Each structure stands twice: as C-alpha cells, then as structure tokens.
Amino acid sequence: GSVPFNGFQRYQVRRGDTWSALASRFDTPVDVLKRINNRTN
C-alpha cells in the first residue's frame, strides 16, 4: 500500500476535460499533472 502514487486517485477523463481544466479542478499546475502521468502532449 505504500507504493508510489498511493497519495493519488485515478480519474476517468470525461467529455470537455482538458489538462487546464483538470489543473484548475485539482489546484495543480498543468506541468505537474503531466509529469505525474508521464505525458508531454
């Protein structure tokens, strides 16, 4: 239970979601969200 990302939740992307929208909803910078998810695009 202590494996990496234990402090995170999985979120299922819905219609209209963007990285900016998620950043605003979860109060987290876009680049941080992308780094968490190993995304560059």
PDB file of all heavy atoms in Angstrom:
ATOM      1  N   GLY A   1       0.788  -1.226   0.000  1.00  0.00           N
ATOM      2  CA  GLY A   1       0.000   0.000   0.000  1.00  0.00           C
ATOM      3  C   GLY A   1       0.819   1.274   0.000  1.00  0.00           C
ATOM      4  O   GLY A   1       0.277   2.367  -0.190  1.00  0.00           O
ATOM      5  N   SER A   2       2.120   1.172   0.217  1.00  0.00           N
ATOM      6  CA  SER A   2       2.955   2.372   0.262  1.00  0.00           C
ATOM      7  C   SER A   2       3.668   2.627  -1.054  1.00  0.00           C
ATOM      8  O   SER A   2       4.561   3.464  -1.124  1.00  0.00           O
ATOM      9  CB  SER A   2       4.007   2.241   1.380  1.00  0.00           C
ATOM     10  OG  SER A   2       4.974   1.257   1.053  1.00  0.00           O
ATOM     11  N   VAL A   3       3.270   1.920  -2.106  1.00  0.00           N
ATOM     12  CA  VAL A   3       3.932   2.081  -3.402  1.00  0.00           C
ATOM     13  C   VAL A   3       3.733   3.502  -3.912  1.00  0.00           C
ATOM     14  O   VAL A   3       2.823   4.208  -3.474  1.00  0.00           O
ATOM     15  CB  VAL A   3       3.362   1.077  -4.433  1.00  0.00           C
ATOM     16  CG1 VAL A   3       3.661  -0.346  -4.020  1.00  0.00           C
ATOM     17  CG2 VAL A   3       1.861   1.287  -4.604  1.00  0.00           C
ATOM     18  N   PRO A   4       4.589   3.938  -4.845  1.00  0.00           N
ATOM     19  CA  PRO A   4       4.455   5.291  -5.369  1.00  0.00           C
ATOM     20  C   PRO A   4       3.044   5.598  -5.868  1.00  0.00           C
ATOM     21  O   PRO A   4       2.337   4.722  -6.359  1.00  0.00           O
ATOM     22  CB  PRO A   4       5.462   5.307  -6.525  1.00  0.00           C
ATOM     23  CG  PRO A   4       6.512   4.328  -6.098  1.00  0.00           C
ATOM     24  CD  PRO A   4       5.752   3.238  -5.390  1.00  0.00           C
ATOM     25  N   PHE A   5       2.648   6.842  -5.723  1.00  0.00           N
ATOM     26  CA  PHE A   5       1.346   7.364  -6.112  1.00  0.00           C
ATOM     27  C   PHE A   5       0.207   6.865  -5.227  1.00  0.00           C
ATOM     28  O   PHE A   5      -0.954   6.963  -5.591  1.00  0.00           O
ATOM     29  CB  PHE A   5       1.027   7.068  -7.587  1.00  0.00           C
ATOM     30  CG  PHE A   5       2.043   7.621  -8.529  1.00  0.00           C
ATOM     31  CD1 PHE A   5       2.820   6.795  -9.308  1.00  0.00           C
ATOM     32  CD2 PHE A   5       2.250   8.987  -8.608  1.00  0.00           C
ATOM     33  CE1 PHE A   5       3.772   7.313 -10.162  1.00  0.00           C
ATOM     34  CE2 PHE A   5       3.204   9.513  -9.466  1.00  0.00           C
ATOM     35  CZ  PHE A   5       3.964   8.671 -10.236  1.00  0.00           C
ATOM     36  N   ASN A   6       0.538   6.343  -4.027  1.00  0.00           N
ATOM     37  CA  ASN A   6      -0.511   5.936  -3.108  1.00  0.00           C
ATOM     38  C   ASN A   6      -1.329   7.138  -2.654  1.00  0.00           C
ATOM     39  O   ASN A   6      -2.457   6.995  -2.213  1.00  0.00           O
ATOM     40  CB  ASN A   6       0.113   5.243  -1.890  1.00  0.00           C
ATOM     41  CG  ASN A   6      -0.919   4.567  -1.018  1.00  0.00           C
ATOM     42  OD1 ASN A   6      -1.865   3.989  -1.528  1.00  0.00           O
ATOM     43  ND2 ASN A   6      -0.750   4.656   0.285  1.00  0.00           N
ATOM     44  N   GLY A   7      -0.748   8.324  -2.758  1.00  0.00           N
ATOM     45  CA  GLY A   7      -1.472   9.521  -2.346  1.00  0.00           C
ATOM     46  C   GLY A   7      -2.296  10.133  -3.470  1.00  0.00           C
ATOM     47  O   GLY A   7      -2.737  11.267  -3.347  1.00  0.00           O
ATOM     48  N   PHE A   8      -2.492   9.398  -4.570  1.00  0.00           N
ATOM     49  CA  PHE A   8      -3.241   9.912  -5.703  1.00  0.00           C
ATOM     50  C   PHE A   8      -4.486   9.062  -5.960  1.00  0.00           C
ATOM     51  O   PHE A   8      -4.593   7.938  -5.505  1.00  0.00           O
ATOM     52  CB  PHE A   8      -2.371   9.909  -6.959  1.00  0.00           C
ATOM     53  CG  PHE A   8      -1.244  10.893  -6.889  1.00  0.00           C
ATOM     54  CD1 PHE A   8      -0.109  10.624  -6.160  1.00  0.00           C
ATOM     55  CD2 PHE A   8      -1.326  12.104  -7.551  1.00  0.00           C
ATOM     56  CE1 PHE A   8       0.923  11.534  -6.079  1.00  0.00           C
ATOM     57  CE2 PHE A   8      -0.295  13.022  -7.484  1.00  0.00           C
ATOM     58  CZ  PHE A   8       0.824  12.733  -6.747  1.00  0.00           C
ATOM     59  N   GLN A   9      -5.392   9.648  -6.710  1.00  0.00           N
ATOM     60  CA  GLN A   9      -6.590   8.937  -7.137  1.00  0.00           C
ATOM     61  C   GLN A   9      -6.589   8.832  -8.661  1.00  0.00           C
ATOM     62  O   GLN A   9      -6.070   9.716  -9.346  1.00  0.00           O
ATOM     63  CB  GLN A   9      -7.842   9.695  -6.682  1.00  0.00           C
ATOM     64  CG  GLN A   9      -7.963   9.863  -5.188  1.00  0.00           C
ATOM     65  CD  GLN A   9      -8.352   8.572  -4.500  1.00  0.00           C
ATOM     66  OE1 GLN A   9      -8.752   7.615  -5.147  1.00  0.00           O
ATOM     67  NE2 GLN A   9      -8.227   8.547  -3.187  1.00  0.00           N
ATOM     68  N   ARG A  10      -7.204   7.747  -9.162  1.00  0.00           N
ATOM     69  CA  ARG A  10      -7.396   7.639 -10.609  1.00  0.00           C
ATOM     70  C   ARG A  10      -8.652   8.418 -10.991  1.00  0.00           C
ATOM     71  O   ARG A  10      -9.676   8.337 -10.324  1.00  0.00           O
ATOM     72  CB  ARG A  10      -7.538   6.183 -11.034  1.00  0.00           C
ATOM     73  CG  ARG A  10      -6.237   5.407 -10.915  1.00  0.00           C
ATOM     74  CD  ARG A  10      -6.335   4.037 -11.564  1.00  0.00           C
ATOM     75  NE  ARG A  10      -5.072   3.324 -11.435  1.00  0.00           N
ATOM     76  CZ  ARG A  10      -4.054   3.472 -12.256  1.00  0.00           C
ATOM     77  NH1 ARG A  10      -4.148   4.299 -13.285  1.00  0.00           N
ATOM     78  NH2 ARG A  10      -2.937   2.804 -12.078  1.00  0.00           N
ATOM     79  N   TYR A  11      -8.545   9.179 -12.058  1.00  0.00           N
ATOM     80  CA  TYR A  11      -9.672   9.983 -12.520  1.00  0.00           C
ATOM     81  C   TYR A  11      -9.948   9.617 -13.977  1.00  0.00           C
ATOM     82  O   TYR A  11      -9.042   9.571 -14.805  1.00  0.00           O
ATOM     83  CB  TYR A  11      -9.347  11.474 -12.411  1.00  0.00           C
ATOM     84  CG  TYR A  11     -10.380  12.373 -13.040  1.00  0.00           C
ATOM     85  CD1 TYR A  11     -11.536  12.713 -12.353  1.00  0.00           C
ATOM     86  CD2 TYR A  11     -10.195  12.866 -14.337  1.00  0.00           C
ATOM     87  CE1 TYR A  11     -12.483  13.540 -12.931  1.00  0.00           C
ATOM     88  CE2 TYR A  11     -11.146  13.688 -14.920  1.00  0.00           C
ATOM     89  CZ  TYR A  11     -12.291  14.011 -14.212  1.00  0.00           C
ATOM     90  OH  TYR A  11     -13.223  14.810 -14.779  1.00  0.00           O
ATOM     91  N   GLN A  12     -11.233   9.334 -14.281  1.00  0.00           N
ATOM     92  CA  GLN A  12     -11.617   8.959 -15.644  1.00  0.00           C
ATOM     93  C   GLN A  12     -11.993  10.214 -16.424  1.00  0.00           C
ATOM     94  O   GLN A  12     -12.870  10.983 -16.013  1.00  0.00           O
ATOM     95  CB  GLN A  12     -12.794   7.975 -15.618  1.00  0.00           C
ATOM     96  CG  GLN A  12     -13.064   7.336 -16.970  1.00  0.00           C
ATOM     97  CD  GLN A  12     -14.087   6.219 -16.860  1.00  0.00           C
ATOM     98  OE1 GLN A  12     -15.098   6.355 -16.169  1.00  0.00           O
ATOM     99  NE2 GLN A  12     -13.825   5.106 -17.524  1.00  0.00           N
ATOM    100  N   VAL A  13     -11.307  10.403 -17.535  1.00  0.00           N
ATOM    101  CA  VAL A  13     -11.500  11.606 -18.343  1.00  0.00           C
ATOM    102  C   VAL A  13     -12.897  11.618 -18.951  1.00  0.00           C
ATOM    103  O   VAL A  13     -13.376  10.617 -19.492  1.00  0.00           O
ATOM    104  CB  VAL A  13     -10.435  11.680 -19.460  1.00  0.00           C
ATOM    105  CG1 VAL A  13     -10.679  12.887 -20.367  1.00  0.00           C
ATOM    106  CG2 VAL A  13      -9.039  11.755 -18.841  1.00  0.00           C
ATOM    107  N   ARG A  14     -13.567  12.790 -18.826  1.00  0.00           N
ATOM    108  CA  ARG A  14     -14.910  12.968 -19.361  1.00  0.00           C
ATOM    109  C   ARG A  14     -14.895  13.969 -20.508  1.00  0.00           C
ATOM    110  O   ARG A  14     -13.911  14.669 -20.734  1.00  0.00           O
ATOM    111  CB  ARG A  14     -15.847  13.446 -18.241  1.00  0.00           C
ATOM    112  CG  ARG A  14     -15.950  12.492 -17.067  1.00  0.00           C
ATOM    113  CD  ARG A  14     -17.070  12.941 -16.129  1.00  0.00           C
ATOM    114  NE  ARG A  14     -16.713  14.179 -15.443  1.00  0.00           N
ATOM    115  CZ  ARG A  14     -16.437  14.251 -14.149  1.00  0.00           C
ATOM    116  NH1 ARG A  14     -16.443  13.163 -13.414  1.00  0.00           N
ATOM    117  NH2 ARG A  14     -16.148  15.410 -13.602  1.00  0.00           N
ATOM    118  N   ARG A  15     -16.023  14.061 -21.190  1.00  0.00           N
ATOM    119  CA  ARG A  15     -16.156  14.993 -22.307  1.00  0.00           C
ATOM    120  C   ARG A  15     -15.907  16.424 -21.802  1.00  0.00           C
ATOM    121  O   ARG A  15     -16.449  16.835 -20.765  1.00  0.00           O
ATOM    122  CB  ARG A  15     -17.539  14.885 -22.925  1.00  0.00           C
ATOM    123  CG  ARG A  15     -17.734  15.770 -24.179  1.00  0.00           C
ATOM    124  CD  ARG A  15     -19.132  15.610 -24.738  1.00  0.00           C
ATOM    125  NE  ARG A  15     -19.391  14.230 -25.107  1.00  0.00           N
ATOM    126  CZ  ARG A  15     -19.038  13.665 -26.254  1.00  0.00           C
ATOM    127  NH1 ARG A  15     -18.364  14.384 -27.156  1.00  0.00           N
ATOM    128  NH2 ARG A  15     -19.324  12.399 -26.510  1.00  0.00           N
ATOM    129  N   GLY A  16     -15.096  17.170 -22.518  1.00  0.00           N
ATOM    130  CA  GLY A  16     -14.808  18.552 -22.154  1.00  0.00           C
ATOM    131  C   GLY A  16     -13.581  18.716 -21.277  1.00  0.00           C
ATOM    132  O   GLY A  16     -13.131  19.847 -21.058  1.00  0.00           O
ATOM    133  N   ASP A  17     -13.036  17.626 -20.755  1.00  0.00           N
ATOM    134  CA  ASP A  17     -11.847  17.730 -19.906  1.00  0.00           C
ATOM    135  C   ASP A  17     -10.622  18.095 -20.735  1.00  0.00           C
ATOM    136  O   ASP A  17     -10.413  17.579 -21.842  1.00  0.00           O
ATOM    137  CB  ASP A  17     -11.579  16.397 -19.195  1.00  0.00           C
ATOM    138  CG  ASP A  17     -12.451  16.210 -17.961  1.00  0.00           C
ATOM    139  OD1 ASP A  17     -12.954  17.229 -17.433  1.00  0.00           O
ATOM    140  OD2 ASP A  17     -12.619  15.058 -17.516  1.00  0.00           O
ATOM    141  N   THR A  18      -9.818  18.984 -20.205  1.00  0.00           N
ATOM    142  CA  THR A  18      -8.515  19.330 -20.765  1.00  0.00           C
ATOM    143  C   THR A  18      -7.524  19.351 -19.610  1.00  0.00           C
ATOM    144  O   THR A  18      -7.913  19.350 -18.431  1.00  0.00           O
ATOM    145  CB  THR A  18      -8.530  20.709 -21.439  1.00  0.00           C
ATOM    146  OG1 THR A  18      -8.808  21.711 -20.440  1.00  0.00           O
ATOM    147  CG2 THR A  18      -9.589  20.778 -22.534  1.00  0.00           C
ATOM    148  N   TRP A  19      -6.236  19.409 -19.925  1.00  0.00           N
ATOM    149  CA  TRP A  19      -5.244  19.494 -18.864  1.00  0.00           C
ATOM    150  C   TRP A  19      -5.448  20.761 -18.047  1.00  0.00           C
ATOM    151  O   TRP A  19      -5.307  20.761 -16.819  1.00  0.00           O
ATOM    152  CB  TRP A  19      -3.829  19.471 -19.449  1.00  0.00           C
ATOM    153  CG  TRP A  19      -3.383  18.120 -19.925  1.00  0.00           C
ATOM    154  CD1 TRP A  19      -3.125  17.753 -21.209  1.00  0.00           C
ATOM    155  CD2 TRP A  19      -3.150  16.960 -19.120  1.00  0.00           C
ATOM    156  NE1 TRP A  19      -2.747  16.433 -21.266  1.00  0.00           N
ATOM    157  CE2 TRP A  19      -2.750  15.922 -19.987  1.00  0.00           C
ATOM    158  CE3 TRP A  19      -3.235  16.689 -17.768  1.00  0.00           C
ATOM    159  CZ2 TRP A  19      -2.440  14.645 -19.540  1.00  0.00           C
ATOM    160  CZ3 TRP A  19      -2.932  15.418 -17.305  1.00  0.00           C
ATOM    161  CH2 TRP A  19      -2.540  14.417 -18.180  1.00  0.00           C
ATOM    162  N   SER A  20      -5.811  21.854 -18.718  1.00  0.00           N
ATOM    163  CA  SER A  20      -6.033  23.109 -17.995  1.00  0.00           C
ATOM    164  C   SER A  20      -7.235  23.002 -17.070  1.00  0.00           C
ATOM    165  O   SER A  20      -7.217  23.500 -15.935  1.00  0.00           O
ATOM    166  CB  SER A  20      -6.245  24.258 -18.984  1.00  0.00           C
ATOM    167  OG  SER A  20      -5.075  24.496 -19.734  1.00  0.00           O
ATOM    168  N   ALA A  21      -8.298  22.344 -17.554  1.00  0.00           N
ATOM    169  CA  ALA A  21      -9.482  22.181 -16.716  1.00  0.00           C
ATOM    170  C   ALA A  21      -9.178  21.319 -15.499  1.00  0.00           C
ATOM    171  O   ALA A  21      -9.628  21.612 -14.376  1.00  0.00           O
ATOM    172  CB  ALA A  21     -10.623  21.566 -17.538  1.00  0.00           C
ATOM    173  N   LEU A  22      -8.408  20.241 -15.701  1.00  0.00           N
ATOM    174  CA  LEU A  22      -8.031  19.383 -14.577  1.00  0.00           C
ATOM    175  C   LEU A  22      -7.127  20.132 -13.607  1.00  0.00           C
ATOM    176  O   LEU A  22      -7.237  19.967 -12.379  1.00  0.00           O
ATOM    177  CB  LEU A  22      -7.337  18.115 -15.083  1.00  0.00           C
ATOM    178  CG  LEU A  22      -8.195  17.149 -15.909  1.00  0.00           C
ATOM    179  CD1 LEU A  22      -7.364  15.938 -16.325  1.00  0.00           C
ATOM    180  CD2 LEU A  22      -9.415  16.699 -15.120  1.00  0.00           C
ATOM    181  N   ALA A  23      -6.217  20.930 -14.146  1.00  0.00           N
ATOM    182  CA  ALA A  23      -5.315  21.708 -13.284  1.00  0.00           C
ATOM    183  C   ALA A  23      -6.117  22.640 -12.381  1.00  0.00           C
ATOM    184  O   ALA A  23      -5.828  22.782 -11.190  1.00  0.00           O
ATOM    185  CB  ALA A  23      -4.329  22.505 -14.128  1.00  0.00           C
ATOM    186  N   SER A  24      -7.140  23.286 -12.945  1.00  0.00           N
ATOM    187  CA  SER A  24      -7.973  24.185 -12.146  1.00  0.00           C
ATOM    188  C   SER A  24      -8.801  23.411 -11.140  1.00  0.00           C
ATOM    189  O   SER A  24      -8.917  23.807  -9.975  1.00  0.00           O
ATOM    190  CB  SER A  24      -8.887  24.987 -13.082  1.00  0.00           C
ATOM    191  OG  SER A  24      -9.754  25.812 -12.335  1.00  0.00           O
ATOM    192  N   ARG A  25      -9.355  22.268 -11.542  1.00  0.00           N
ATOM    193  CA  ARG A  25     -10.227  21.492 -10.660  1.00  0.00           C
ATOM    194  C   ARG A  25      -9.470  20.916  -9.471  1.00  0.00           C
ATOM    195  O   ARG A  25      -9.987  20.903  -8.348  1.00  0.00           O
ATOM    196  CB  ARG A  25     -10.879  20.351 -11.455  1.00  0.00           C
ATOM    197  CG  ARG A  25     -11.904  19.535 -10.660  1.00  0.00           C
ATOM    198  CD  ARG A  25     -12.513  18.469 -11.542  1.00  0.00           C
ATOM    199  NE  ARG A  25     -13.018  19.027 -12.788  1.00  0.00           N
ATOM    200  CZ  ARG A  25     -13.368  18.291 -13.841  1.00  0.00           C
ATOM    201  NH1 ARG A  25     -13.253  16.982 -13.806  1.00  0.00           N
ATOM    202  NH2 ARG A  25     -13.820  18.872 -14.940  1.00  0.00           N
ATOM    203  N   PHE A  26      -8.227  20.478  -9.712  1.00  0.00           N
ATOM    204  CA  PHE A  26      -7.468  19.842  -8.632  1.00  0.00           C
ATOM    205  C   PHE A  26      -6.375  20.749  -8.068  1.00  0.00           C
ATOM    206  O   PHE A  26      -5.513  20.291  -7.325  1.00  0.00           O
ATOM    207  CB  PHE A  26      -6.857  18.525  -9.138  1.00  0.00           C
ATOM    208  CG  PHE A  26      -7.891  17.482  -9.480  1.00  0.00           C
ATOM    209  CD1 PHE A  26      -8.266  17.273 -10.793  1.00  0.00           C
ATOM    210  CD2 PHE A  26      -8.513  16.759  -8.485  1.00  0.00           C
ATOM    211  CE1 PHE A  26      -9.231  16.332 -11.118  1.00  0.00           C
ATOM    212  CE2 PHE A  26      -9.480  15.812  -8.794  1.00  0.00           C
ATOM    213  CZ  PHE A  26      -9.848  15.606 -10.120  1.00  0.00           C
ATOM    214  N   ASP A  27      -6.424  22.044  -8.437  1.00  0.00           N
ATOM    215  CA  ASP A  27      -5.494  23.034  -7.893  1.00  0.00           C
ATOM    216  C   ASP A  27      -4.042  22.587  -8.037  1.00  0.00           C
ATOM    217  O   ASP A  27      -3.255  22.586  -7.091  1.00  0.00           O
ATOM    218  CB  ASP A  27      -5.812  23.306  -6.416  1.00  0.00           C
ATOM    219  CG  ASP A  27      -5.040  24.505  -5.876  1.00  0.00           C
ATOM    220  OD1 ASP A  27      -4.672  25.379  -6.675  1.00  0.00           O
ATOM    221  OD2 ASP A  27      -4.799  24.552  -4.656  1.00  0.00           O
ATOM    222  N   THR A  28      -3.699  22.138  -9.244  1.00  0.00           N
ATOM    223  CA  THR A  28      -2.381  21.584  -9.523  1.00  0.00           C
ATOM    224  C   THR A  28      -1.884  22.125 -10.864  1.00  0.00           C
ATOM    225  O   THR A  28      -2.634  22.118 -11.836  1.00  0.00           O
ATOM    226  CB  THR A  28      -2.440  20.041  -9.601  1.00  0.00           C
ATOM    227  OG1 THR A  28      -3.062  19.538  -8.428  1.00  0.00           O
ATOM    228  CG2 THR A  28      -1.053  19.441  -9.720  1.00  0.00           C
ATOM    229  N   PRO A  29      -0.642  22.624 -10.950  1.00  0.00           N
ATOM    230  CA  PRO A  29      -0.132  23.129 -12.226  1.00  0.00           C
ATOM    231  C   PRO A  29      -0.185  22.074 -13.329  1.00  0.00           C
ATOM    232  O   PRO A  29      -0.013  20.872 -13.072  1.00  0.00           O
ATOM    233  CB  PRO A  29       1.317  23.504 -11.902  1.00  0.00           C
ATOM    234  CG  PRO A  29       1.309  23.769 -10.427  1.00  0.00           C
ATOM    235  CD  PRO A  29       0.318  22.799  -9.857  1.00  0.00           C
ATOM    236  N   VAL A  30      -0.411  22.529 -14.562  1.00  0.00           N
ATOM    237  CA  VAL A  30      -0.515  21.613 -15.697  1.00  0.00           C
ATOM    238  C   VAL A  30       0.742  20.765 -15.843  1.00  0.00           C
ATOM    239  O   VAL A  30       0.670  19.546 -16.066  1.00  0.00           O
ATOM    240  CB  VAL A  30      -0.785  22.398 -17.004  1.00  0.00           C
ATOM    241  CG1 VAL A  30      -0.641  21.481 -18.224  1.00  0.00           C
ATOM    242  CG2 VAL A  30      -2.177  23.016 -16.978  1.00  0.00           C
ATOM    243  N   ASP A  31       1.932  21.404 -15.712  1.00  0.00           N
ATOM    244  CA  ASP A  31       3.174  20.637 -15.904  1.00  0.00           C
ATOM    245  C   ASP A  31       3.341  19.563 -14.839  1.00  0.00           C
ATOM    246  O   ASP A  31       3.924  18.507 -15.095  1.00  0.00           O
ATOM    247  CB  ASP A  31       4.384  21.566 -15.924  1.00  0.00           C
ATOM    248  CG  ASP A  31       4.582  22.311 -14.627  1.00  0.00           C
ATOM    249  OD1 ASP A  31       3.586  22.567 -13.933  1.00  0.00           O
ATOM    250  OD2 ASP A  31       5.737  22.638 -14.303  1.00  0.00           O
ATOM    251  N   VAL A  32       2.807  19.817 -13.638  1.00  0.00           N
ATOM    252  CA  VAL A  32       2.875  18.803 -12.584  1.00  0.00           C
ATOM    253  C   VAL A  32       1.975  17.622 -12.930  1.00  0.00           C
ATOM    254  O   VAL A  32       2.372  16.458 -12.805  1.00  0.00           O
ATOM    255  CB  VAL A  32       2.486  19.400 -11.212  1.00  0.00           C
ATOM    256  CG1 VAL A  32       2.407  18.303 -10.146  1.00  0.00           C
ATOM    257  CG2 VAL A  32       3.484  20.460 -10.793  1.00  0.00           C
ATOM    258  N   LEU A  33       0.748  17.902 -13.367  1.00  0.00           N
ATOM    259  CA  LEU A  33      -0.158  16.827 -13.768  1.00  0.00           C
ATOM    260  C   LEU A  33       0.443  15.983 -14.892  1.00  0.00           C
ATOM    261  O   LEU A  33       0.359  14.752 -14.885  1.00  0.00           O
ATOM    262  CB  LEU A  33      -1.492  17.409 -14.224  1.00  0.00           C
ATOM    263  CG  LEU A  33      -2.474  17.861 -13.139  1.00  0.00           C
ATOM    264  CD1 LEU A  33      -3.705  18.474 -13.774  1.00  0.00           C
ATOM    265  CD2 LEU A  33      -2.855  16.707 -12.228  1.00  0.00           C
ATOM    266  N   LYS A  34       1.069  16.664 -15.860  1.00  0.00           N
ATOM    267  CA  LYS A  34       1.668  15.922 -16.969  1.00  0.00           C
ATOM    268  C   LYS A  34       2.842  15.075 -16.500  1.00  0.00           C
ATOM    269  O   LYS A  34       3.031  13.938 -16.964  1.00  0.00           O
ATOM    270  CB  LYS A  34       2.121  16.898 -18.056  1.00  0.00           C
ATOM    271  CG  LYS A  34       0.983  17.498 -18.863  1.00  0.00           C
ATOM    272  CD  LYS A  34       1.527  18.352 -20.008  1.00  0.00           C
ATOM    273  CE  LYS A  34       0.408  18.842 -20.895  1.00  0.00           C
ATOM    274  NZ  LYS A  34       0.922  19.651 -22.036  1.00  0.00           N
ATOM    275  N   ARG A  35       3.638  15.616 -15.571  1.00  0.00           N
ATOM    276  CA  ARG A  35       4.776  14.848 -15.081  1.00  0.00           C
ATOM    277  C   ARG A  35       4.317  13.615 -14.313  1.00  0.00           C
ATOM    278  O   ARG A  35       4.912  12.536 -14.418  1.00  0.00           O
ATOM    279  CB  ARG A  35       5.661  15.732 -14.202  1.00  0.00           C
ATOM    280  CG  ARG A  35       6.979  15.053 -13.815  1.00  0.00           C
ATOM    281  CD  ARG A  35       8.011  16.056 -13.322  1.00  0.00           C
ATOM    282  NE  ARG A  35       7.660  16.610 -12.025  1.00  0.00           N
ATOM    283  CZ  ARG A  35       7.314  17.876 -11.815  1.00  0.00           C
ATOM    284  NH1 ARG A  35       7.247  18.723 -12.832  1.00  0.00           N
ATOM    285  NH2 ARG A  35       7.022  18.320 -10.610  1.00  0.00           N
ATOM    286  N   ILE A  36       3.248  13.771 -13.505  1.00  0.00           N
ATOM    287  CA  ILE A  36       2.690  12.638 -12.772  1.00  0.00           C
ATOM    288  C   ILE A  36       2.304  11.521 -13.737  1.00  0.00           C
ATOM    289  O   ILE A  36       2.526  10.338 -13.473  1.00  0.00           O
ATOM    290  CB  ILE A  36       1.451  13.071 -11.971  1.00  0.00           C
ATOM    291  CG1 ILE A  36       1.844  14.009 -10.829  1.00  0.00           C
ATOM    292  CG2 ILE A  36       0.707  11.865 -11.408  1.00  0.00           C
ATOM    293  CD1 ILE A  36       0.664  14.658 -10.159  1.00  0.00           C
ATOM    294  N   ASN A  37       1.731  11.918 -14.872  1.00  0.00           N
ATOM    295  CA  ASN A  37       1.209  10.938 -15.825  1.00  0.00           C
ATOM    296  C   ASN A  37       2.149  10.655 -16.987  1.00  0.00           C
ATOM    297  O   ASN A  37       1.758   9.996 -17.958  1.00  0.00           O
ATOM    298  CB  ASN A  37      -0.144  11.429 -16.358  1.00  0.00           C
ATOM    299  CG  ASN A  37      -1.220  11.410 -15.295  1.00  0.00           C
ATOM    300  OD1 ASN A  37      -1.803  10.368 -15.017  1.00  0.00           O
ATOM    301  ND2 ASN A  37      -1.484  12.553 -14.676  1.00  0.00           N
ATOM    302  N   ASN A  38       3.404  11.152 -16.885  1.00  0.00           N
ATOM    303  CA  ASN A  38       4.419  10.896 -17.908  1.00  0.00           C
ATOM    304  C   ASN A  38       3.920  11.298 -19.293  1.00  0.00           C
ATOM    305  O   ASN A  38       4.055  10.564 -20.265  1.00  0.00           O
ATOM    306  CB  ASN A  38       4.832   9.417 -17.895  1.00  0.00           C
ATOM    307  CG  ASN A  38       6.123   9.174 -18.661  1.00  0.00           C
ATOM    308  OD1 ASN A  38       6.964  10.063 -18.795  1.00  0.00           O
ATOM    309  ND2 ASN A  38       6.284   7.977 -19.191  1.00  0.00           N
ATOM    310  N   ARG A  39       3.346  12.490 -19.389  1.00  0.00           N
ATOM    311  CA  ARG A  39       2.815  12.994 -20.652  1.00  0.00           C
ATOM    312  C   ARG A  39       3.616  14.211 -21.107  1.00  0.00           C
ATOM    313  O   ARG A  39       4.059  15.010 -20.286  1.00  0.00           O
ATOM    314  CB  ARG A  39       1.347  13.408 -20.494  1.00  0.00           C
ATOM    315  CG  ARG A  39       0.413  12.279 -20.087  1.00  0.00           C
ATOM    316  CD  ARG A  39       0.228  11.267 -21.217  1.00  0.00           C
ATOM    317  NE  ARG A  39      -0.788  10.290 -20.861  1.00  0.00           N
ATOM    318  CZ  ARG A  39      -2.087  10.451 -21.085  1.00  0.00           C
ATOM    319  NH1 ARG A  39      -2.522  11.544 -21.680  1.00  0.00           N
ATOM    320  NH2 ARG A  39      -2.945   9.522 -20.732  1.00  0.00           N
ATOM    321  N   THR A  40       3.739  14.332 -22.417  1.00  0.00           N
ATOM    322  CA  THR A  40       4.390  15.514 -22.986  1.00  0.00           C
ATOM    323  C   THR A  40       3.468  16.258 -23.937  1.00  0.00           C
ATOM    324  O   THR A  40       3.723  17.408 -24.274  1.00  0.00           O
ATOM    325  CB  THR A  40       5.672  15.117 -23.746  1.00  0.00           C
ATOM    326  OG1 THR A  40       5.336  14.163 -24.769  1.00  0.00           O
ATOM    327  CG2 THR A  40       6.702  14.522 -22.794  1.00  0.00           C
ATOM    328  N   ASN A  41       2.380  15.597 -24.396  1.00  0.00           N
ATOM    329  CA  ASN A  41       1.456  16.260 -25.323  1.00  0.00           C
ATOM    330  C   ASN A  41       0.202  16.696 -24.585  1.00  0.00           C
ATOM    331  O   ASN A  41       0.034  16.457 -23.395  1.00  0.00           O
ATOM    332  CB  ASN A  41       1.096  15.335 -26.502  1.00  0.00           C
ATOM    333  CG  ASN A  41       0.477  14.022 -26.029  1.00  0.00           C
ATOM    334  OD1 ASN A  41      -0.346  14.003 -25.110  1.00  0.00           O
ATOM    335  ND2 ASN A  41       0.874  12.916 -26.655  1.00  0.00           N
TER     336      ASN A  41
END
